[in-house]
Amino acid sequence: MTEETHVLTAPPADASADWTIAQNWATYTPEEHATWDTLFARQSKLLPGRASDAWLRGLDVLRLDKPGIPDFAELSDRLMKLTGWQVVAVPGLVPDDVFFDHMANRRFVAGNFIRRPDQLDYLQEPDVFHDVFGHVPMLADPVFADYLEAYGKGGQRALGMDALKYLGRLYWYTVEFGLIQEDDGLRIYGSGIVSSASESRFALDDPSPNRIAFDLARVMRTEYRIDDFQQNYFVIPSFDELLRATVETDFAPLYTELKQLPDIPVAQIVPEDRMLTTGTQDYARSKAT
């Protein structure tokens, strides 16, 4: 199933109008299932005490510890009973309008391909391990499930407002690379972190990045990097607060305001920031030399 690229401009011939395809679970090779098992064993050993309580509960209740790549039909059946979500297979990265429509209707799109064994530590495109192991456990949490539905509906509205840049940053710094403050300390819930062995350590342990209290407008002004560890992590106090900030905000005037303000460069601290950890930025400087 592995291809060279899964960034597509049109759906393949076997895709439905909404870009969904059959997962074709029976066609996964033993090597592909073994790749999943290797990644799962490594991450599931590392994440207790690092991942959020909600993510760990989701991993357990969805029974993702079953060997081999999960069957989306079985996974969707469990999710539907918990939060009304389902997992649908797509051939790669889908257009924004397709992505938002699925999310607004509680359908999570997941690639059906898996990385090669020589790509265990880094893959630029999201594969089935990133999408299912990283994202799907959080869909079992009712509050976060509501947040993602609200995000999808917000994305549909943003399409006509020339505001996807700002909404994309919100997704990046929450769904992909978010941290949460729990009673026992900072914990990970972002899928880009929980699916990465190295960033699971870096995000919580390394002195280099800034860890900043979540503020909606601040997050939406902040640039990010896609090719390395993050230099900023934004920390929410709870999933309830993340949902509240999303559903109680009128985004139209916020977008208008943001368009009048300069973007905030990666790693820059602004006077209004409430810093949990002021990073040394040593990692970023070492990569720049």
Protein backbone atom coordinates (compact mmCIF):
# COMPACT_ATOMS: atom_id res chain seq x y z
CA MET A 1 0.00 0.00 0.00
CA THR A 2 2.95 2.36 0.41
CA GLU A 3 3.23 4.99 -2.32
CA GLU A 4 5.72 7.77 -2.87
CA THR A 5 3.24 10.55 -2.20
CA HIS A 6 -0.28 10.92 -0.86
CA VAL A 7 -0.78 14.62 -1.56
CA LEU A 8 -3.41 14.54 -4.30
CA THR A 9 -5.18 17.16 -6.39
CA ALA A 10 -8.09 14.93 -7.42
CA PRO A 11 -9.65 11.81 -5.96
CA PRO A 12 -8.48 8.53 -7.49
CA ALA A 13 -10.85 6.52 -9.64
CA ASP A 14 -11.86 4.19 -6.82
CA ALA A 15 -12.79 7.03 -4.44
CA SER A 16 -16.31 8.21 -3.69
CA ALA A 17 -17.39 11.80 -4.32
CA ASP A 18 -16.45 12.64 -0.72
CA TRP A 19 -12.94 11.25 -1.33
CA THR A 20 -13.46 8.20 0.89
CA ILE A 21 -12.09 4.85 -0.20
CA ALA A 22 -12.22 1.32 1.11
CA GLN A 23 -9.62 0.66 3.77
CA ASN A 24 -8.93 -2.75 2.19
CA TRP A 25 -7.80 -4.10 5.54
CA ALA A 26 -7.32 -7.62 4.18
CA THR A 27 -4.62 -6.43 1.78
CA TYR A 28 -2.19 -5.17 4.42
CA THR A 29 1.00 -7.24 4.33
CA PRO A 30 2.58 -8.94 7.36
CA GLU A 31 5.38 -6.34 7.14
CA GLU A 32 2.87 -3.49 7.32
CA HIS A 33 1.14 -4.99 10.34
CA ALA A 34 4.56 -5.53 11.94
CA THR A 35 5.42 -1.85 11.37
CA TRP A 36 2.25 -0.84 13.24
CA ASP A 37 3.08 -3.25 16.08
CA THR A 38 6.63 -1.90 16.37
CA LEU A 39 5.43 1.69 16.52
CA PHE A 40 2.62 0.83 18.92
CA ALA A 41 4.89 -1.03 21.32
CA ARG A 42 7.39 1.81 21.42
CA GLN A 43 4.85 4.58 21.95
CA SER A 44 2.53 2.76 24.35
CA LYS A 45 5.51 2.04 26.62
CA LEU A 46 6.66 5.66 26.51
CA LEU A 47 3.38 7.54 26.96
CA PRO A 48 2.06 6.61 30.44
CA GLY A 49 2.90 9.62 32.60
CA ARG A 50 3.28 11.76 29.46
CA ALA A 51 0.00 11.51 27.57
CA SER A 52 -3.19 13.07 28.89
CA ASP A 53 -5.64 11.02 30.90
CA ALA A 54 -8.20 11.39 28.10
CA TRP A 55 -5.82 10.05 25.46
CA LEU A 56 -4.84 7.07 27.62
CA ARG A 57 -8.49 6.27 28.36
CA GLY A 58 -9.25 6.39 24.65
CA LEU A 59 -6.41 4.02 23.84
CA ASP A 60 -7.82 1.56 26.37
CA VAL A 61 -11.54 1.80 25.61
CA LEU A 62 -10.99 1.52 21.85
CA ARG A 63 -8.83 -1.58 22.36
CA LEU A 64 -6.09 -0.30 20.09
CA ASP A 65 -3.63 -2.69 21.69
CA LYS A 66 -4.98 -5.47 19.47
CA PRO A 67 -2.07 -6.55 17.23
CA GLY A 68 -1.95 -5.24 13.69
CA ILE A 69 -3.34 -2.19 11.92
CA PRO A 70 -6.86 -1.54 13.24
CA ASP A 71 -9.89 -2.33 11.10
CA PHE A 72 -11.71 0.98 10.61
CA ALA A 73 -15.13 -0.74 10.63
CA GLU A 74 -14.52 -2.24 14.07
CA LEU A 75 -13.01 1.01 15.34
CA SER A 76 -15.94 3.06 14.06
CA ASP A 77 -18.43 0.74 15.74
CA ARG A 78 -16.79 1.36 19.12
CA LEU A 79 -16.47 5.11 18.53
CA MET A 80 -20.08 5.51 17.40
CA LYS A 81 -21.28 4.01 20.68
CA LEU A 82 -19.07 6.40 22.68
CA THR A 83 -19.25 9.76 20.88
CA GLY A 84 -20.97 9.30 17.52
CA TRP A 85 -17.75 9.53 15.51
CA GLN A 86 -16.48 7.17 12.83
CA VAL A 87 -13.19 6.70 11.00
CA VAL A 88 -13.22 6.79 7.20
CA ALA A 89 -10.33 5.96 4.89
CA VAL A 90 -8.99 8.47 2.37
CA PRO A 91 -6.14 8.13 -0.15
CA GLY A 92 -4.06 10.96 1.32
CA LEU A 93 -4.38 14.63 2.17
CA VAL A 94 -7.82 15.84 1.06
CA PRO A 95 -8.96 19.37 0.08
CA ASP A 96 -9.99 21.71 2.86
CA ASP A 97 -13.69 21.68 2.05
CA VAL A 98 -13.75 17.88 2.07
CA PHE A 99 -11.83 17.74 5.34
CA PHE A 100 -14.14 20.23 7.08
CA ASP A 101 -17.30 18.53 5.82
CA HIS A 102 -16.23 15.18 7.22
CA MET A 103 -15.23 16.68 10.54
CA ALA A 104 -18.42 18.73 10.87
CA ASN A 105 -20.34 15.46 10.45
CA ARG A 106 -18.22 13.51 12.93
CA ARG A 107 -16.27 11.57 10.37
CA PHE A 108 -12.51 11.45 10.95
CA VAL A 109 -10.49 11.00 7.77
CA ALA A 110 -7.48 8.70 8.03
CA GLY A 111 -4.93 7.59 5.50
CA ASN A 112 -5.02 3.85 4.87
CA PHE A 113 -1.30 3.55 4.08
CA ILE A 114 1.51 3.02 6.58
CA ARG A 115 5.09 4.22 6.54
CA ARG A 116 7.96 1.98 5.52
CA PRO A 117 10.11 0.32 8.20
CA ASP A 118 12.92 2.78 7.42
CA GLN A 119 10.58 5.71 8.19
CA LEU A 120 9.73 4.83 11.78
CA ASP A 121 11.07 8.07 13.25
CA TYR A 122 9.80 10.60 10.73
CA LEU A 123 7.22 10.80 7.97
CA GLN A 124 6.16 14.13 6.49
CA GLU A 125 2.73 12.90 5.43
CA PRO A 126 0.22 11.57 7.99
CA ASP A 127 -0.16 7.81 7.69
CA VAL A 128 -2.49 5.36 9.41
CA PHE A 129 -0.33 5.27 12.54
CA HIS A 130 -0.32 9.03 12.95
CA ASP A 131 -4.02 9.31 12.16
CA VAL A 132 -5.32 6.39 14.21
CA PHE A 133 -2.86 6.02 17.08
CA GLY A 134 -2.32 9.77 17.35
CA HIS A 135 -5.81 11.19 16.78
CA VAL A 136 -8.46 8.56 17.36
CA PRO A 137 -8.05 7.98 21.13
CA MET A 138 -9.05 11.62 21.69
CA LEU A 139 -12.26 11.04 19.71
CA ALA A 140 -13.43 8.79 22.54
CA ASP A 141 -13.49 11.80 24.87
CA PRO A 142 -16.94 13.48 24.64
CA VAL A 143 -15.68 17.04 25.15
CA PHE A 144 -12.83 16.79 22.65
CA ALA A 145 -15.15 15.05 20.21
CA ASP A 146 -17.45 18.09 20.43
CA TYR A 147 -14.47 20.40 19.92
CA LEU A 148 -13.49 18.68 16.68
CA GLU A 149 -17.05 18.85 15.36
CA ALA A 150 -17.16 22.57 16.22
CA TYR A 151 -13.80 23.02 14.50
CA GLY A 152 -15.13 21.37 11.34
CA LYS A 153 -18.17 23.64 11.27
CA GLY A 154 -15.92 26.64 11.89
CA GLY A 155 -13.76 25.56 8.98
CA GLN A 156 -16.75 25.51 6.67
CA ARG A 157 -17.54 29.11 7.63
CA ALA A 158 -13.89 30.18 7.35
CA LEU A 159 -13.68 28.99 3.75
CA GLY A 160 -15.58 32.07 2.62
CA MET A 161 -13.73 34.50 4.87
CA ASP A 162 -10.16 34.06 3.62
CA ALA A 163 -9.25 32.95 7.13
CA LEU A 164 -7.98 29.39 6.81
CA LYS A 165 -4.49 30.48 7.77
CA TYR A 166 -5.69 31.45 11.23
CA LEU A 167 -7.90 28.41 11.71
CA GLY A 168 -5.08 26.14 10.56
CA ARG A 169 -2.87 27.49 13.30
CA LEU A 170 -5.53 26.67 15.88
CA TYR A 171 -5.61 23.07 14.65
CA TRP A 172 -1.83 22.86 14.60
CA TYR A 173 -1.31 24.11 18.13
CA THR A 174 -4.16 22.10 19.66
CA VAL A 175 -5.12 18.95 17.75
CA GLU A 176 -1.63 18.29 16.43
CA PHE A 177 0.76 19.74 19.03
CA GLY A 178 -1.31 20.63 22.08
CA LEU A 179 -0.37 20.25 25.75
CA ILE A 180 -2.77 20.24 28.71
CA GLN A 181 -2.20 21.12 32.36
CA GLU A 182 -3.34 18.22 34.53
CA ASP A 183 -3.10 17.70 38.29
CA ASP A 184 0.17 15.80 37.93
CA GLY A 185 1.75 18.28 35.51
CA LEU A 186 1.89 18.97 31.80
CA ARG A 187 0.60 16.22 29.56
CA ILE A 188 0.41 15.60 25.81
CA TYR A 189 -2.77 15.32 23.78
CA GLY A 190 -1.67 16.51 20.33
CA SER A 191 -1.40 13.70 17.80
CA GLY A 192 1.83 14.98 16.27
CA ILE A 193 3.46 14.51 19.65
CA VAL A 194 1.91 11.25 20.87
CA SER A 195 2.75 9.51 17.58
CA SER A 196 6.42 10.60 17.75
CA ALA A 197 8.86 8.99 20.19
CA SER A 198 11.34 11.85 20.03
CA GLU A 199 8.81 14.69 20.30
CA SER A 200 7.00 12.92 23.15
CA ARG A 201 10.18 13.49 25.13
CA PHE A 202 11.10 16.88 23.70
CA ALA A 203 7.72 18.52 24.29
CA LEU A 204 7.76 17.85 28.03
CA ASP A 205 11.41 17.45 28.99
CA ASP A 206 13.59 19.67 26.82
CA PRO A 207 14.42 23.19 28.08
CA SER A 208 14.49 24.62 24.56
CA PRO A 209 10.81 25.32 23.64
CA ASN A 210 8.47 27.93 25.06
CA ARG A 211 5.41 26.57 26.83
CA ILE A 212 2.73 29.26 26.82
CA ALA A 213 -0.75 29.39 28.35
CA PHE A 214 -3.40 29.03 25.67
CA ASP A 215 -5.00 32.18 24.29
CA LEU A 216 -7.18 31.83 21.21
CA ALA A 217 -6.18 35.01 19.37
CA ARG A 218 -2.51 34.57 20.27
CA VAL A 219 -2.49 31.03 18.87
CA MET A 220 -4.16 32.13 15.65
CA ARG A 221 -1.51 34.81 15.06
CA THR A 222 1.41 32.45 15.62
CA GLU A 223 3.42 30.93 12.80
CA TYR A 224 4.62 27.35 13.12
CA ARG A 225 7.14 25.00 11.62
CA ILE A 226 6.30 21.73 9.89
CA ASP A 227 9.78 20.27 9.48
CA ASP A 228 11.10 19.86 13.03
CA PHE A 229 10.25 20.01 16.72
CA GLN A 230 8.05 22.91 17.74
CA GLN A 231 9.58 25.98 19.36
CA ASN A 232 6.26 26.90 21.00
CA TYR A 233 3.73 24.67 22.74
CA PHE A 234 0.43 26.13 23.92
CA VAL A 235 -1.05 24.70 27.11
CA ILE A 236 -4.80 24.48 27.69
CA PRO A 237 -6.17 24.29 31.27
CA SER A 238 -8.86 21.76 30.28
CA PHE A 239 -10.73 20.41 27.29
CA ASP A 240 -13.85 22.12 28.58
CA GLU A 241 -12.06 25.47 28.32
CA LEU A 242 -10.82 24.67 24.81
CA LEU A 243 -14.38 23.85 23.72
CA ARG A 244 -15.79 26.94 25.45
CA ALA A 245 -13.28 29.23 23.71
CA THR A 246 -14.27 27.72 20.38
CA VAL A 247 -18.05 27.73 20.61
CA GLU A 248 -18.46 31.05 22.47
CA THR A 249 -16.21 33.09 20.15
CA ASP A 250 -17.63 35.00 17.20
CA PHE A 251 -14.88 34.26 14.71
CA ALA A 252 -15.93 36.73 11.99
CA PRO A 253 -14.86 39.89 13.88
CA LEU A 254 -11.86 38.02 15.25
CA TYR A 255 -10.69 37.24 11.72
CA THR A 256 -11.15 40.89 10.79
CA GLU A 257 -9.02 41.93 13.77
CA LEU A 258 -6.33 39.35 13.05
CA LYS A 259 -5.95 40.53 9.47
CA GLN A 260 -4.98 43.97 10.80
CA LEU A 261 -2.27 42.54 13.06
CA PRO A 262 1.15 41.16 12.14
CA ASP A 263 1.79 37.46 12.43
CA ILE A 264 3.88 36.44 15.42
CA PRO A 265 7.09 34.66 14.34
CA VAL A 266 7.90 31.24 15.69
CA ALA A 267 9.46 31.40 19.18
CA GLN A 268 8.78 35.11 19.70
CA ILE A 269 7.36 36.02 23.11
CA VAL A 270 4.89 38.89 23.32
CA PRO A 271 4.16 40.99 26.42
CA GLU A 272 0.71 39.46 26.96
CA ASP A 273 2.05 35.90 27.12
CA ARG A 274 1.62 33.95 30.31
CA MET A 275 4.71 31.80 30.25
CA LEU A 276 4.74 28.40 31.87
CA THR A 277 8.27 27.77 30.64
CA THR A 278 10.45 30.31 28.85
CA GLY A 279 12.54 28.24 26.49
CA THR A 280 16.25 28.53 25.94
CA GLN A 281 15.76 27.96 22.17
CA ASP A 282 19.07 26.11 22.20
CA TYR A 283 17.70 23.37 19.95
CA ALA A 284 16.54 25.84 17.32
CA ARG A 285 19.88 27.66 17.39
CA SER A 286 21.81 24.42 17.02
CA LYS A 287 19.76 23.47 13.98
CA ALA A 288 20.38 26.86 12.39
CA THR A 289 24.16 26.55 12.52
